[in-house]
Amino acid sequence: MSLIRGAFWLALFAFFTFAFVVLFEYGTADFANGFKTEFVKAKAFVMQAGKPAKNDKPKK
């Protein structure tokens, strides 16, 4: 039960941190569009970080 509660608080912290950054960057007037924009950027970053590194050297 403690693990579930910890995961919930971690997810809540991550969400509100993301929302604060969007609010700081875009302000209240463009919050919804800024949230969408930053979510796409964050998703692209996670997808790119999850890919294995490219090996430029040919194997011998």
PDB file of N, CA and C in Angstrom:
ATOM      1  N   MET A   1       0.821  -1.191   0.000  1.00  0.00           N
ATOM      2  CA  MET A   1       0.000   0.000   0.000  1.00  0.00           C
ATOM      3  C   MET A   1       0.869   1.261   0.000  1.00  0.00           C
ATOM      4  N   SER A   2       1.979   1.180   0.703  1.00  0.00           N
ATOM      5  CA  SER A   2       2.875   2.325   0.770  1.00  0.00           C
ATOM      6  C   SER A   2       3.480   2.621  -0.605  1.00  0.00           C
ATOM      7  N   LEU A   3       3.747   1.583  -1.385  1.00  0.00           N
ATOM      8  CA  LEU A   3       4.307   1.776  -2.721  1.00  0.00           C
ATOM      9  C   LEU A   3       3.313   2.487  -3.636  1.00  0.00           C
ATOM     10  N   ILE A   4       2.044   2.117  -3.533  1.00  0.00           N
ATOM     11  CA  ILE A   4       1.009   2.759  -4.345  1.00  0.00           C
ATOM     12  C   ILE A   4       0.864   4.226  -3.949  1.00  0.00           C
ATOM     13  N   ARG A   5       0.867   4.492  -2.660  1.00  0.00           N
ATOM     14  CA  ARG A   5       0.751   5.871  -2.185  1.00  0.00           C
ATOM     15  C   ARG A   5       1.952   6.699  -2.636  1.00  0.00           C
ATOM     16  N   GLY A   6       3.159   6.119  -2.568  1.00  0.00           N
ATOM     17  CA  GLY A   6       4.361   6.824  -3.009  1.00  0.00           C
ATOM     18  C   GLY A   6       4.334   7.121  -4.504  1.00  0.00           C
ATOM     19  N   ALA A   7       3.870   6.140  -5.288  1.00  0.00           N
ATOM     20  CA  ALA A   7       3.774   6.351  -6.730  1.00  0.00           C
ATOM     21  C   ALA A   7       2.745   7.432  -7.053  1.00  0.00           C
ATOM     22  N   PHE A   8       1.634   7.436  -6.306  1.00  0.00           N
ATOM     23  CA  PHE A   8       0.617   8.467  -6.508  1.00  0.00           C
ATOM     24  C   PHE A   8       1.182   9.858  -6.231  1.00  0.00           C
ATOM     25  N   TRP A   9       1.902  10.015  -5.118  1.00  0.00           N
ATOM     26  CA  TRP A   9       2.467  11.315  -4.776  1.00  0.00           C
ATOM     27  C   TRP A   9       3.541  11.747  -5.777  1.00  0.00           C
ATOM     28  N   LEU A  10       4.304  10.786  -6.268  1.00  0.00           N
ATOM     29  CA  LEU A  10       5.322  11.107  -7.265  1.00  0.00           C
ATOM     30  C   LEU A  10       4.673  11.576  -8.566  1.00  0.00           C
ATOM     31  N   ALA A  11       3.615  10.886  -8.997  1.00  0.00           N
ATOM     32  CA  ALA A  11       2.898  11.287 -10.212  1.00  0.00           C
ATOM     33  C   ALA A  11       2.236  12.656 -10.031  1.00  0.00           C
ATOM     34  N   LEU A  12       1.671  12.887  -8.873  1.00  0.00           N
ATOM     35  CA  LEU A  12       1.045  14.176  -8.584  1.00  0.00           C
ATOM     36  C   LEU A  12       2.076  15.300  -8.581  1.00  0.00           C
ATOM     37  N   PHE A  13       3.230  15.036  -7.994  1.00  0.00           N
ATOM     38  CA  PHE A  13       4.315  16.020  -7.977  1.00  0.00           C
ATOM     39  C   PHE A  13       4.794  16.326  -9.393  1.00  0.00           C
ATOM     40  N   ALA A  14       4.961  15.286 -10.222  1.00  0.00           N
ATOM     41  CA  ALA A  14       5.418  15.486 -11.595  1.00  0.00           C
ATOM     42  C   ALA A  14       4.394  16.294 -12.390  1.00  0.00           C
ATOM     43  N   PHE A  15       3.109  15.992 -12.216  1.00  0.00           N
ATOM     44  CA  PHE A  15       2.069  16.726 -12.935  1.00  0.00           C
ATOM     45  C   PHE A  15       2.067  18.205 -12.549  1.00  0.00           C
ATOM     46  N   PHE A  16       2.078  18.495 -11.253  1.00  0.00           N
ATOM     47  CA  PHE A  16       2.019  19.890 -10.835  1.00  0.00           C
ATOM     48  C   PHE A  16       3.307  20.645 -11.156  1.00  0.00           C
ATOM     49  N   THR A  17       4.441  19.967 -11.173  1.00  0.00           N
ATOM     50  CA  THR A  17       5.680  20.606 -11.600  1.00  0.00           C
ATOM     51  C   THR A  17       5.606  20.969 -13.073  1.00  0.00           C
ATOM     52  N   PHE A  18       5.081  20.035 -13.882  1.00  0.00           N
ATOM     53  CA  PHE A  18       4.909  20.298 -15.314  1.00  0.00           C
ATOM     54  C   PHE A  18       3.946  21.462 -15.532  1.00  0.00           C
ATOM     55  N   ALA A  19       2.839  21.464 -14.787  1.00  0.00           N
ATOM     56  CA  ALA A  19       1.856  22.542 -14.922  1.00  0.00           C
ATOM     57  C   ALA A  19       2.458  23.889 -14.514  1.00  0.00           C
ATOM     58  N   PHE A  20       3.291  23.901 -13.469  1.00  0.00           N
ATOM     59  CA  PHE A  20       3.926  25.143 -13.037  1.00  0.00           C
ATOM     60  C   PHE A  20       4.881  25.662 -14.108  1.00  0.00           C
ATOM     61  N   VAL A  21       5.645  24.769 -14.712  1.00  0.00           N
ATOM     62  CA  VAL A  21       6.587  25.188 -15.756  1.00  0.00           C
ATOM     63  C   VAL A  21       5.827  25.767 -16.948  1.00  0.00           C
ATOM     64  N   VAL A  22       4.738  25.112 -17.339  1.00  0.00           N
ATOM     65  CA  VAL A  22       3.928  25.621 -18.451  1.00  0.00           C
ATOM     66  C   VAL A  22       3.335  26.979 -18.086  1.00  0.00           C
ATOM     67  N   LEU A  23       2.834  27.112 -16.891  1.00  0.00           N
ATOM     68  CA  LEU A  23       2.278  28.390 -16.444  1.00  0.00           C
ATOM     69  C   LEU A  23       3.337  29.480 -16.445  1.00  0.00           C
ATOM     70  N   PHE A  24       4.544  29.144 -16.022  1.00  0.00           N
ATOM     71  CA  PHE A  24       5.638  30.116 -15.991  1.00  0.00           C
ATOM     72  C   PHE A  24       6.053  30.519 -17.406  1.00  0.00           C
ATOM     73  N   GLU A  25       6.065  29.556 -18.330  1.00  0.00           N
ATOM     74  CA  GLU A  25       6.508  29.828 -19.701  1.00  0.00           C
ATOM     75  C   GLU A  25       5.452  30.576 -20.524  1.00  0.00           C
ATOM     76  N   TYR A  26       4.192  30.154 -20.421  1.00  0.00           N
ATOM     77  CA  TYR A  26       3.155  30.663 -21.322  1.00  0.00           C
ATOM     78  C   TYR A  26       2.163  31.605 -20.654  1.00  0.00           C
ATOM     79  N   GLY A  27       2.092  31.615 -19.345  1.00  0.00           N
ATOM     80  CA  GLY A  27       1.153  32.480 -18.653  1.00  0.00           C
ATOM     81  C   GLY A  27      -0.250  31.902 -18.646  1.00  0.00           C
ATOM     82  N   THR A  28      -1.175  32.629 -18.074  1.00  0.00           N
ATOM     83  CA  THR A  28      -2.538  32.134 -17.934  1.00  0.00           C
ATOM     84  C   THR A  28      -3.339  32.273 -19.221  1.00  0.00           C
ATOM     85  N   ALA A  29      -2.962  33.206 -20.082  1.00  0.00           N
ATOM     86  CA  ALA A  29      -3.744  33.452 -21.289  1.00  0.00           C
ATOM     87  C   ALA A  29      -3.604  32.321 -22.306  1.00  0.00           C
ATOM     88  N   ASP A  30      -2.437  31.689 -22.353  1.00  0.00           N
ATOM     89  CA  ASP A  30      -2.182  30.653 -23.358  1.00  0.00           C
ATOM     90  C   ASP A  30      -1.805  29.332 -22.697  1.00  0.00           C
ATOM     91  N   PHE A  31      -2.390  29.056 -21.542  1.00  0.00           N
ATOM     92  CA  PHE A  31      -2.020  27.867 -20.772  1.00  0.00           C
ATOM     93  C   PHE A  31      -2.385  26.579 -21.487  1.00  0.00           C
ATOM     94  N   ALA A  32      -3.580  26.494 -22.056  1.00  0.00           N
ATOM     95  CA  ALA A  32      -4.029  25.247 -22.694  1.00  0.00           C
ATOM     96  C   ALA A  32      -3.169  24.906 -23.914  1.00  0.00           C
ATOM     97  N   ASN A  33      -2.910  25.883 -24.754  1.00  0.00           N
ATOM     98  CA  ASN A  33      -2.056  25.631 -25.919  1.00  0.00           C
ATOM     99  C   ASN A  33      -0.616  25.349 -25.499  1.00  0.00           C
ATOM    100  N   GLY A  34      -0.149  26.040 -24.490  1.00  0.00           N
ATOM    101  CA  GLY A  34       1.198  25.795 -23.969  1.00  0.00           C
ATOM    102  C   GLY A  34       1.329  24.407 -23.368  1.00  0.00           C
ATOM    103  N   PHE A  35       0.276  23.946 -22.687  1.00  0.00           N
ATOM    104  CA  PHE A  35       0.287  22.610 -22.100  1.00  0.00           C
ATOM    105  C   PHE A  35       0.398  21.561 -23.197  1.00  0.00           C
ATOM    106  N   LYS A  36      -0.373  21.739 -24.261  1.00  0.00           N
ATOM    107  CA  LYS A  36      -0.321  20.797 -25.385  1.00  0.00           C
ATOM    108  C   LYS A  36       1.053  20.810 -26.042  1.00  0.00           C
ATOM    109  N   THR A  37       1.597  21.999 -26.251  1.00  0.00           N
ATOM    110  CA  THR A  37       2.897  22.132 -26.901  1.00  0.00           C
ATOM    111  C   THR A  37       3.989  21.469 -26.078  1.00  0.00           C
ATOM    112  N   GLU A  38       4.017  21.765 -24.791  1.00  0.00           N
ATOM    113  CA  GLU A  38       5.049  21.200 -23.935  1.00  0.00           C
ATOM    114  C   GLU A  38       4.875  19.695 -23.748  1.00  0.00           C
ATOM    115  N   PHE A  39       3.638  19.210 -23.768  1.00  0.00           N
ATOM    116  CA  PHE A  39       3.409  17.783 -23.656  1.00  0.00           C
ATOM    117  C   PHE A  39       3.964  17.052 -24.876  1.00  0.00           C
ATOM    118  N   VAL A  40       3.774  17.630 -26.056  1.00  0.00           N
ATOM    119  CA  VAL A  40       4.319  17.038 -27.276  1.00  0.00           C
ATOM    120  C   VAL A  40       5.842  17.033 -27.215  1.00  0.00           C
ATOM    121  N   LYS A  41       6.435  18.132 -26.745  1.00  0.00           N
ATOM    122  CA  LYS A  41       7.893  18.192 -26.618  1.00  0.00           C
ATOM    123  C   LYS A  41       8.405  17.167 -25.617  1.00  0.00           C
ATOM    124  N   ALA A  42       7.739  17.035 -24.482  1.00  0.00           N
ATOM    125  CA  ALA A  42       8.157  16.078 -23.456  1.00  0.00           C
ATOM    126  C   ALA A  42       8.003  14.645 -23.956  1.00  0.00           C
ATOM    127  N   LYS A  43       6.926  14.377 -24.668  1.00  0.00           N
ATOM    128  CA  LYS A  43       6.694  13.040 -25.213  1.00  0.00           C
ATOM    129  C   LYS A  43       7.769  12.694 -26.240  1.00  0.00           C
ATOM    130  N   ALA A  44       8.119  13.641 -27.106  1.00  0.00           N
ATOM    131  CA  ALA A  44       9.163  13.404 -28.108  1.00  0.00           C
ATOM    132  C   ALA A  44      10.507  13.164 -27.431  1.00  0.00           C
ATOM    133  N   PHE A  45      10.790  13.901 -26.356  1.00  0.00           N
ATOM    134  CA  PHE A  45      12.043  13.716 -25.633  1.00  0.00           C
ATOM    135  C   PHE A  45      12.120  12.327 -25.016  1.00  0.00           C
ATOM    136  N   VAL A  46      11.027  11.878 -24.401  1.00  0.00           N
ATOM    137  CA  VAL A  46      11.009  10.561 -23.768  1.00  0.00           C
ATOM    138  C   VAL A  46      11.135   9.460 -24.808  1.00  0.00           C
ATOM    139  N   MET A  47      10.450   9.611 -25.932  1.00  0.00           N
ATOM    140  CA  MET A  47      10.532   8.609 -26.988  1.00  0.00           C
ATOM    141  C   MET A  47      11.943   8.546 -27.580  1.00  0.00           C
ATOM    142  N   GLN A  48      12.581   9.688 -27.746  1.00  0.00           N
ATOM    143  CA  GLN A  48      13.929   9.721 -28.293  1.00  0.00           C
ATOM    144  C   GLN A  48      14.939   9.205 -27.273  1.00  0.00           C
ATOM    145  N   ALA A  49      14.737   9.473 -26.002  1.00  0.00           N
ATOM    146  CA  ALA A  49      15.653   9.011 -24.961  1.00  0.00           C
ATOM    147  C   ALA A  49      15.527   7.507 -24.757  1.00  0.00           C
ATOM    148  N   GLY A  50      14.397   6.943 -25.088  1.00  0.00           N
ATOM    149  CA  GLY A  50      14.191   5.517 -24.916  1.00  0.00           C
ATOM    150  C   GLY A  50      14.793   4.667 -26.019  1.00  0.00           C
ATOM    151  N   LYS A  51      15.196   5.273 -27.116  1.00  0.00           N
ATOM    152  CA  LYS A  51      15.792   4.525 -28.217  1.00  0.00           C
ATOM    153  C   LYS A  51      17.242   4.199 -27.887  1.00  0.00           C
ATOM    154  N   PRO A  52      17.730   3.065 -28.362  1.00  0.00           N
ATOM    155  CA  PRO A  52      19.144   2.743 -28.117  1.00  0.00           C
ATOM    156  C   PRO A  52      20.059   3.701 -28.889  1.00  0.00           C
ATOM    157  N   ALA A  53      21.252   3.883 -28.368  1.00  0.00           N
ATOM    158  CA  ALA A  53      22.201   4.787 -28.983  1.00  0.00           C
ATOM    159  C   ALA A  53      22.664   4.239 -30.325  1.00  0.00           C
ATOM    160  N   LYS A  54      22.937   5.137 -31.254  1.00  0.00           N
ATOM    161  CA  LYS A  54      23.383   4.744 -32.575  1.00  0.00           C
ATOM    162  C   LYS A  54      24.883   4.469 -32.515  1.00  0.00           C
ATOM    163  N   ASN A  55      25.318   3.354 -33.073  1.00  0.00           N
ATOM    164  CA  ASN A  55      26.723   3.010 -33.114  1.00  0.00           C
ATOM    165  C   ASN A  55      27.258   3.402 -34.485  1.00  0.00           C
ATOM    166  N   ASP A  56      28.106   4.442 -34.537  1.00  0.00           N
ATOM    167  CA  ASP A  56      28.616   4.942 -35.810  1.00  0.00           C
ATOM    168  C   ASP A  56      29.788   4.118 -36.342  1.00  0.00           C
ATOM    169  N   LYS A  57      30.485   3.401 -35.457  1.00  0.00           N
ATOM    170  CA  LYS A  57      31.636   2.623 -35.884  1.00  0.00           C
ATOM    171  C   LYS A  57      31.183   1.274 -36.443  1.00  0.00           C
ATOM    172  N   PRO A  58      31.697   0.922 -37.617  1.00  0.00           N
ATOM    173  CA  PRO A  58      31.330  -0.402 -38.161  1.00  0.00           C
ATOM    174  C   PRO A  58      32.009  -1.520 -37.360  1.00  0.00           C
ATOM    175  N   LYS A  59      31.344  -2.653 -37.302  1.00  0.00           N
ATOM    176  CA  LYS A  59      31.899  -3.799 -36.597  1.00  0.00           C
ATOM    177  C   LYS A  59      32.979  -4.441 -37.466  1.00  0.00           C
ATOM    178  N   LYS A  60      34.025  -4.939 -36.828  1.00  0.00           N
ATOM    179  CA  LYS A  60      35.117  -5.580 -37.563  1.00  0.00           C
ATOM    180  C   LYS A  60      34.925  -7.060 -37.630  1.00  0.00           C
TER     181      LYS A  60
END
